[in-house]
PDB file of N, CA and C in Angstrom:
ATOM      1  N   MET A   1      24.574 -20.880  -2.354  1.00  0.00           N
ATOM      2  CA  MET A   1      24.105 -19.991  -1.178  1.00  0.00           C
ATOM      3  C   MET A   1      22.438 -20.817  -1.626  1.00  0.00           C
ATOM      4  N   SER A   2      21.715 -20.663  -1.446  1.00  0.00           N
ATOM      5  CA  SER A   2      20.105 -20.697  -1.797  1.00  0.00           C
ATOM      6  C   SER A   2      19.238 -19.732  -1.095  1.00  0.00           C
ATOM      7  N   GLY A   3      18.361 -19.155  -2.030  1.00  0.00           N
ATOM      8  CA  GLY A   3      17.673 -17.872  -1.965  1.00  0.00           C
ATOM      9  C   GLY A   3      15.904 -18.409  -1.136  1.00  0.00           C
ATOM     10  N   ARG A   4      15.961 -19.643  -1.026  1.00  0.00           N
ATOM     11  CA  ARG A   4      14.985 -19.811  -0.262  1.00  0.00           C
ATOM     12  C   ARG A   4      14.333 -18.976   1.003  1.00  0.00           C
ATOM     13  N   GLY A   5      14.946 -18.837   1.622  1.00  0.00           N
ATOM     14  CA  GLY A   5      14.301 -17.909   2.656  1.00  0.00           C
ATOM     15  C   GLY A   5      14.284 -16.723   2.399  1.00  0.00           C
ATOM     16  N   VAL A   6      14.613 -16.210   1.234  1.00  0.00           N
ATOM     17  CA  VAL A   6      14.216 -14.996   0.803  1.00  0.00           C
ATOM     18  C   VAL A   6      12.749 -15.402   0.014  1.00  0.00           C
ATOM     19  N   TRP A   7      12.559 -15.881  -0.284  1.00  0.00           N
ATOM     20  CA  TRP A   7      11.472 -16.442  -1.103  1.00  0.00           C
ATOM     21  C   TRP A   7      10.483 -17.232   0.162  1.00  0.00           C
ATOM     22  N   LEU A   8      10.307 -17.139   1.211  1.00  0.00           N
ATOM     23  CA  LEU A   8       9.628 -17.769   2.298  1.00  0.00           C
ATOM     24  C   LEU A   8       9.008 -16.551   2.961  1.00  0.00           C
ATOM     25  N   ARG A   9      10.199 -15.586   2.927  1.00  0.00           N
ATOM     26  CA  ARG A   9       9.625 -14.434   3.994  1.00  0.00           C
ATOM     27  C   ARG A   9       9.245 -13.736   2.639  1.00  0.00           C
ATOM     28  N   THR A  10       9.141 -13.055   1.628  1.00  0.00           N
ATOM     29  CA  THR A  10       8.493 -12.927   0.637  1.00  0.00           C
ATOM     30  C   THR A  10       6.756 -13.559   0.730  1.00  0.00           C
ATOM     31  N   ARG A  11       6.723 -14.571   0.560  1.00  0.00           N
ATOM     32  CA  ARG A  11       5.717 -15.486   0.818  1.00  0.00           C
ATOM     33  C   ARG A  11       4.599 -14.952   1.813  1.00  0.00           C
ATOM     34  N   ALA A  12       5.512 -15.017   3.125  1.00  0.00           N
ATOM     35  CA  ALA A  12       4.650 -14.264   4.399  1.00  0.00           C
ATOM     36  C   ALA A  12       4.422 -13.213   4.177  1.00  0.00           C
ATOM     37  N   ARG A  13       5.008 -11.915   4.130  1.00  0.00           N
ATOM     38  CA  ARG A  13       3.760 -10.463   3.616  1.00  0.00           C
ATOM     39  C   ARG A  13       3.211 -10.490   2.168  1.00  0.00           C
ATOM     40  N   PHE A  14       2.971 -11.560   1.897  1.00  0.00           N
ATOM     41  CA  PHE A  14       2.053 -11.884   0.587  1.00  0.00           C
ATOM     42  C   PHE A  14       1.268 -12.126   1.318  1.00  0.00           C
ATOM     43  N   ARG A  15       0.788 -12.915   2.011  1.00  0.00           N
ATOM     44  CA  ARG A  15       0.061 -13.680   2.419  1.00  0.00           C
ATOM     45  C   ARG A  15      -0.845 -12.572   3.234  1.00  0.00           C
ATOM     46  N   ARG A  16      -0.210 -11.888   4.225  1.00  0.00           N
ATOM     47  CA  ARG A  16      -0.888 -10.561   4.848  1.00  0.00           C
ATOM     48  C   ARG A  16      -1.362  -9.347   4.753  1.00  0.00           C
ATOM     49  N   PHE A  17      -0.851  -9.146   3.010  1.00  0.00           N
ATOM     50  CA  PHE A  17      -1.623  -7.842   2.233  1.00  0.00           C
ATOM     51  C   PHE A  17      -2.724  -8.107   2.597  1.00  0.00           C
ATOM     52  N   PRO A  18      -3.546  -9.195   2.068  1.00  0.00           N
ATOM     53  CA  PRO A  18      -5.056  -8.831   2.012  1.00  0.00           C
ATOM     54  C   PRO A  18      -5.916  -7.974   3.534  1.00  0.00           C
ATOM     55  N   ALA A  19      -5.273  -8.859   4.613  1.00  0.00           N
ATOM     56  CA  ALA A  19      -5.996  -8.180   5.647  1.00  0.00           C
ATOM     57  C   ALA A  19      -5.385  -6.995   5.998  1.00  0.00           C
ATOM     58  N   ALA A  20      -4.157  -6.286   5.487  1.00  0.00           N
ATOM     59  CA  ALA A  20      -3.728  -5.000   5.557  1.00  0.00           C
ATOM     60  C   ALA A  20      -4.071  -4.142   4.758  1.00  0.00           C
ATOM     61  N   LEU A  21      -5.105  -4.812   3.411  1.00  0.00           N
ATOM     62  CA  LEU A  21      -6.065  -3.558   2.111  1.00  0.00           C
ATOM     63  C   LEU A  21      -7.059  -4.287   3.234  1.00  0.00           C
ATOM     64  N   ALA A  22      -8.033  -5.107   3.747  1.00  0.00           N
ATOM     65  CA  ALA A  22      -9.332  -5.119   4.060  1.00  0.00           C
ATOM     66  C   ALA A  22      -8.943  -3.944   5.140  1.00  0.00           C
ATOM     67  N   ALA A  23      -7.890  -3.144   6.391  1.00  0.00           N
ATOM     68  CA  ALA A  23      -7.823  -2.314   7.288  1.00  0.00           C
ATOM     69  C   ALA A  23      -7.460  -1.708   6.609  1.00  0.00           C
ATOM     70  N   CYS A  24      -7.482  -0.955   6.067  1.00  0.00           N
ATOM     71  CA  CYS A  24      -6.433   0.464   4.951  1.00  0.00           C
ATOM     72  C   CYS A  24      -7.751   0.194   3.682  1.00  0.00           C
ATOM     73  N   GLY A  25      -8.933   0.221   3.926  1.00  0.00           N
ATOM     74  CA  GLY A  25      -9.799   0.142   2.887  1.00  0.00           C
ATOM     75  C   GLY A  25     -10.265   1.775   2.122  1.00  0.00           C
ATOM     76  N   ASP A  26     -10.072   2.663   3.641  1.00  0.00           N
ATOM     77  CA  ASP A  26     -10.854   3.751   3.220  1.00  0.00           C
ATOM     78  C   ASP A  26      -9.469   4.637   2.324  1.00  0.00           C
ATOM     79  N   GLN A  27      -8.288   4.283   3.126  1.00  0.00           N
ATOM     80  CA  GLN A  27      -7.029   5.211   2.489  1.00  0.00           C
ATOM     81  C   GLN A  27      -6.934   4.814   1.214  1.00  0.00           C
ATOM     82  N   ALA A  28      -6.897   3.515   0.566  1.00  0.00           N
ATOM     83  CA  ALA A  28      -6.874   3.150  -0.825  1.00  0.00           C
ATOM     84  C   ALA A  28      -7.799   3.259  -1.274  1.00  0.00           C
ATOM     85  N   ALA A  29      -8.859   3.546  -0.684  1.00  0.00           N
ATOM     86  CA  ALA A  29      -9.741   4.553  -1.619  1.00  0.00           C
ATOM     87  C   ALA A  29      -9.777   5.391  -2.298  1.00  0.00           C
ATOM     88  N   ALA A  30      -9.131   6.186  -1.533  1.00  0.00           N
ATOM     89  CA  ALA A  30      -8.377   7.878  -1.244  1.00  0.00           C
ATOM     90  C   ALA A  30      -7.516   8.060  -2.635  1.00  0.00           C
ATOM     91  N   TYR A  31      -6.547   7.107  -1.878  1.00  0.00           N
ATOM     92  CA  TYR A  31      -5.644   6.975  -2.575  1.00  0.00           C
ATOM     93  C   TYR A  31      -5.441   6.510  -4.440  1.00  0.00           C
ATOM     94  N   GLY A  32      -6.495   5.573  -4.501  1.00  0.00           N
ATOM     95  CA  GLY A  32      -7.495   5.076  -5.738  1.00  0.00           C
ATOM     96  C   GLY A  32      -8.000   6.191  -6.955  1.00  0.00           C
ATOM     97  N   GLY A  33      -8.999   6.713  -5.938  1.00  0.00           N
ATOM     98  CA  GLY A  33     -10.142   8.012  -6.100  1.00  0.00           C
ATOM     99  C   GLY A  33      -8.468   9.073  -6.226  1.00  0.00           C
ATOM    100  N   CYS A  34      -7.745   9.512  -6.037  1.00  0.00           N
ATOM    101  CA  CYS A  34      -6.712  10.439  -6.882  1.00  0.00           C
ATOM    102  C   CYS A  34      -5.917   9.841  -7.515  1.00  0.00           C
ATOM    103  N   VAL A  35      -5.470   8.681  -7.556  1.00  0.00           N
ATOM    104  CA  VAL A  35      -4.678   8.761  -9.153  1.00  0.00           C
ATOM    105  C   VAL A  35      -5.364   8.559 -10.252  1.00  0.00           C
ATOM    106  N   ALA A  36      -6.662   7.753 -10.093  1.00  0.00           N
ATOM    107  CA  ALA A  36      -7.432   7.965 -11.448  1.00  0.00           C
ATOM    108  C   ALA A  36      -7.942   9.374 -11.172  1.00  0.00           C
ATOM    109  N   ALA A  37      -8.462  10.215 -10.537  1.00  0.00           N
ATOM    110  CA  ALA A  37      -8.413  11.339 -11.116  1.00  0.00           C
ATOM    111  C   ALA A  37      -7.798  12.562 -11.546  1.00  0.00           C
ATOM    112  N   ALA A  38      -6.757  12.490 -11.054  1.00  0.00           N
ATOM    113  CA  ALA A  38      -4.535  12.948 -11.103  1.00  0.00           C
ATOM    114  C   ALA A  38      -4.736  12.796 -13.295  1.00  0.00           C
ATOM    115  N   ALA A  39      -4.777  11.059 -13.226  1.00  0.00           N
ATOM    116  CA  ALA A  39      -4.663  10.863 -14.136  1.00  0.00           C
ATOM    117  C   ALA A  39      -5.712  10.697 -15.528  1.00  0.00           C
ATOM    118  N   ALA A  40      -6.702  11.426 -15.369  1.00  0.00           N
ATOM    119  CA  ALA A  40      -8.002  11.371 -16.471  1.00  0.00           C
ATOM    120  C   ALA A  40      -7.839  12.745 -16.745  1.00  0.00           C
ATOM    121  N   GLY A  41      -8.445  12.958 -18.148  1.00  0.00           N
ATOM    122  CA  GLY A  41      -7.736  14.102 -18.834  1.00  0.00           C
ATOM    123  C   GLY A  41      -6.841  13.732 -20.063  1.00  0.00           C
ATOM    124  N   PRO A  42      -6.792  14.950 -20.287  1.00  0.00           N
ATOM    125  CA  PRO A  42      -5.054  15.032 -21.529  1.00  0.00           C
ATOM    126  C   PRO A  42      -3.722  15.208 -20.469  1.00  0.00           C
ATOM    127  N   ALA A  43      -4.108  15.672 -19.036  1.00  0.00           N
ATOM    128  CA  ALA A  43      -2.849  16.497 -18.081  1.00  0.00           C
ATOM    129  C   ALA A  43      -2.418  14.613 -18.133  1.00  0.00           C
ATOM    130  N   GLU A  44      -1.016  14.411 -17.956  1.00  0.00           N
ATOM    131  CA  GLU A  44      -0.239  13.440 -17.369  1.00  0.00           C
ATOM    132  C   GLU A  44       0.298  13.597 -15.516  1.00  0.00           C
ATOM    133  N   LEU A  45      -0.389  11.924 -15.579  1.00  0.00           N
ATOM    134  CA  LEU A  45       0.040  12.271 -13.996  1.00  0.00           C
ATOM    135  C   LEU A  45       1.181  12.703 -13.391  1.00  0.00           C
ATOM    136  N   ARG A  46       1.930  13.739 -12.589  1.00  0.00           N
ATOM    137  CA  ARG A  46       2.649  14.105 -11.944  1.00  0.00           C
ATOM    138  C   ARG A  46       3.277  13.124 -10.850  1.00  0.00           C
ATOM    139  N   ARG A  47       3.997  13.210 -10.382  1.00  0.00           N
ATOM    140  CA  ARG A  47       5.515  12.880  -9.199  1.00  0.00           C
ATOM    141  C   ARG A  47       4.403  13.402  -8.016  1.00  0.00           C
ATOM    142  N   ASP A  48       4.305  13.039  -7.392  1.00  0.00           N
ATOM    143  CA  ASP A  48       4.182  13.193  -6.085  1.00  0.00           C
ATOM    144  C   ASP A  48       2.632  14.120  -6.155  1.00  0.00           C
ATOM    145  N   SER A  49       1.755  14.043  -7.068  1.00  0.00           N
ATOM    146  CA  SER A  49       0.467  14.865  -7.422  1.00  0.00           C
ATOM    147  C   SER A  49      -1.002  14.300  -6.327  1.00  0.00           C
ATOM    148  N   CYS A  50      -0.194  13.157  -5.845  1.00  0.00           N
ATOM    149  CA  CYS A  50      -1.225  11.829  -5.066  1.00  0.00           C
ATOM    150  C   CYS A  50      -0.168  11.631  -3.343  1.00  0.00           C
ATOM    151  N   LEU A  51       1.158  12.573  -3.181  1.00  0.00           N
ATOM    152  CA  LEU A  51       1.782  11.698  -1.975  1.00  0.00           C
ATOM    153  C   LEU A  51       1.134  11.662  -0.512  1.00  0.00           C
ATOM    154  N   GLU A  52      -0.032  12.586  -0.493  1.00  0.00           N
ATOM    155  CA  GLU A  52      -0.836  12.392   1.105  1.00  0.00           C
ATOM    156  C   GLU A  52      -1.071  11.364   1.039  1.00  0.00           C
ATOM    157  N   GLU A  53      -2.018  11.449   0.263  1.00  0.00           N
ATOM    158  CA  GLU A  53      -2.899  10.058   0.241  1.00  0.00           C
ATOM    159  C   GLU A  53      -2.333   8.899   0.205  1.00  0.00           C
ATOM    160  N   PHE A  54      -0.721   8.700  -0.176  1.00  0.00           N
ATOM    161  CA  PHE A  54      -0.163   7.093  -0.404  1.00  0.00           C
ATOM    162  C   PHE A  54       0.782   7.615   0.910  1.00  0.00           C
ATOM    163  N   ARG A  55       0.768   8.692   1.675  1.00  0.00           N
ATOM    164  CA  ARG A  55       1.370   8.273   2.815  1.00  0.00           C
ATOM    165  C   ARG A  55       0.504   8.189   3.976  1.00  0.00           C
ATOM    166  N   ALA A  56      -0.658   8.445   3.543  1.00  0.00           N
ATOM    167  CA  ALA A  56      -1.579   8.276   4.743  1.00  0.00           C
ATOM    168  C   ALA A  56      -1.980   6.393   4.482  1.00  0.00           C
ATOM    169  N   LEU A  57      -2.058   5.939   3.088  1.00  0.00           N
ATOM    170  CA  LEU A  57      -1.963   4.271   2.522  1.00  0.00           C
ATOM    171  C   LEU A  57      -1.066   4.293   3.226  1.00  0.00           C
ATOM    172  N   ARG A  58       0.704   4.094   3.427  1.00  0.00           N
ATOM    173  CA  ARG A  58       1.603   4.213   3.306  1.00  0.00           C
ATOM    174  C   ARG A  58       1.504   3.521   5.382  1.00  0.00           C
ATOM    175  N   GLU A  59       1.631   4.431   5.715  1.00  0.00           N
ATOM    176  CA  GLU A  59       1.560   4.773   7.412  1.00  0.00           C
ATOM    177  C   GLU A  59      -0.086   3.473   7.697  1.00  0.00           C
ATOM    178  N   CYS A  60      -1.381   2.997   7.108  1.00  0.00           N
ATOM    179  CA  CYS A  60      -2.239   2.872   7.620  1.00  0.00           C
ATOM    180  C   CYS A  60      -1.524   1.262   7.306  1.00  0.00           C
ATOM    181  N   PHE A  61      -0.980   0.726   6.282  1.00  0.00           N
ATOM    182  CA  PHE A  61      -0.329  -0.516   5.731  1.00  0.00           C
ATOM    183  C   PHE A  61       0.648  -0.772   6.789  1.00  0.00           C
ATOM    184  N   ALA A  62       1.794   0.084   7.805  1.00  0.00           N
ATOM    185  CA  ALA A  62       2.446  -0.467   8.511  1.00  0.00           C
ATOM    186  C   ALA A  62       2.131  -0.222  10.017  1.00  0.00           C
ATOM    187  N   ARG A  63       0.830  -0.217  10.081  1.00  0.00           N
ATOM    188  CA  ARG A  63       0.258  -0.109  11.462  1.00  0.00           C
ATOM    189  C   ARG A  63      -0.411  -1.638  11.147  1.00  0.00           C
ATOM    190  N   ALA A  64      -1.168  -1.681  10.111  1.00  0.00           N
ATOM    191  CA  ALA A  64      -1.726  -2.674  10.210  1.00  0.00           C
ATOM    192  C   ALA A  64      -1.032  -4.528  10.078  1.00  0.00           C
ATOM    193  N   VAL A  65       0.553  -4.134  10.147  1.00  0.00           N
ATOM    194  CA  VAL A  65       1.226  -5.546   9.603  1.00  0.00           C
ATOM    195  C   VAL A  65       2.225  -5.652  10.694  1.00  0.00           C
ATOM    196  N   ARG A  66       1.985  -4.657  11.671  1.00  0.00           N
ATOM    197  CA  ARG A  66       2.963  -4.088  12.471  1.00  0.00           C
ATOM    198  C   ARG A  66       2.289  -5.227  14.013  1.00  0.00           C
ATOM    199  N   PRO A  67       3.609  -6.131  14.585  1.00  0.00           N
ATOM    200  CA  PRO A  67       2.932  -7.487  15.069  1.00  0.00           C
ATOM    201  C   PRO A  67       2.341  -6.847  15.931  1.00  0.00           C
ATOM    202  N   PRO A  68       0.779  -7.397  17.373  1.00  0.00           N
ATOM    203  CA  PRO A  68       0.507  -6.757  18.393  1.00  0.00           C
ATOM    204  C   PRO A  68       1.928  -6.809  19.520  1.00  0.00           C
ATOM    205  N   PRO A  69       1.312  -5.814  20.656  1.00  0.00           N
ATOM    206  CA  PRO A  69       2.867  -5.498  21.667  1.00  0.00           C
ATOM    207  C   PRO A  69       1.984  -6.891  22.568  1.00  0.00           C
ATOM    208  N   CYS A  70       2.793  -7.023  22.842  1.00  0.00           N
ATOM    209  CA  CYS A  70       2.959  -7.861  24.207  1.00  0.00           C
ATOM    210  C   CYS A  70       2.428  -7.949  25.739  1.00  0.00           C
TER     211      CYS A  70
END
């Protein structure tokens, strides 16, 4: 059994990533800023400290890669 189909699907998803990132620049910047601020200083980065920003970015990616309605 070949894994070729898996790699083809993976490559297709990676090809769409730059366009999705460009469409979600504001959300990506907000999430990155939150992570940078949470990791700055002596405190450790805590799980879910930027959950709201991550969810907004994930939803934007989902909208950006969704096929257009017919």
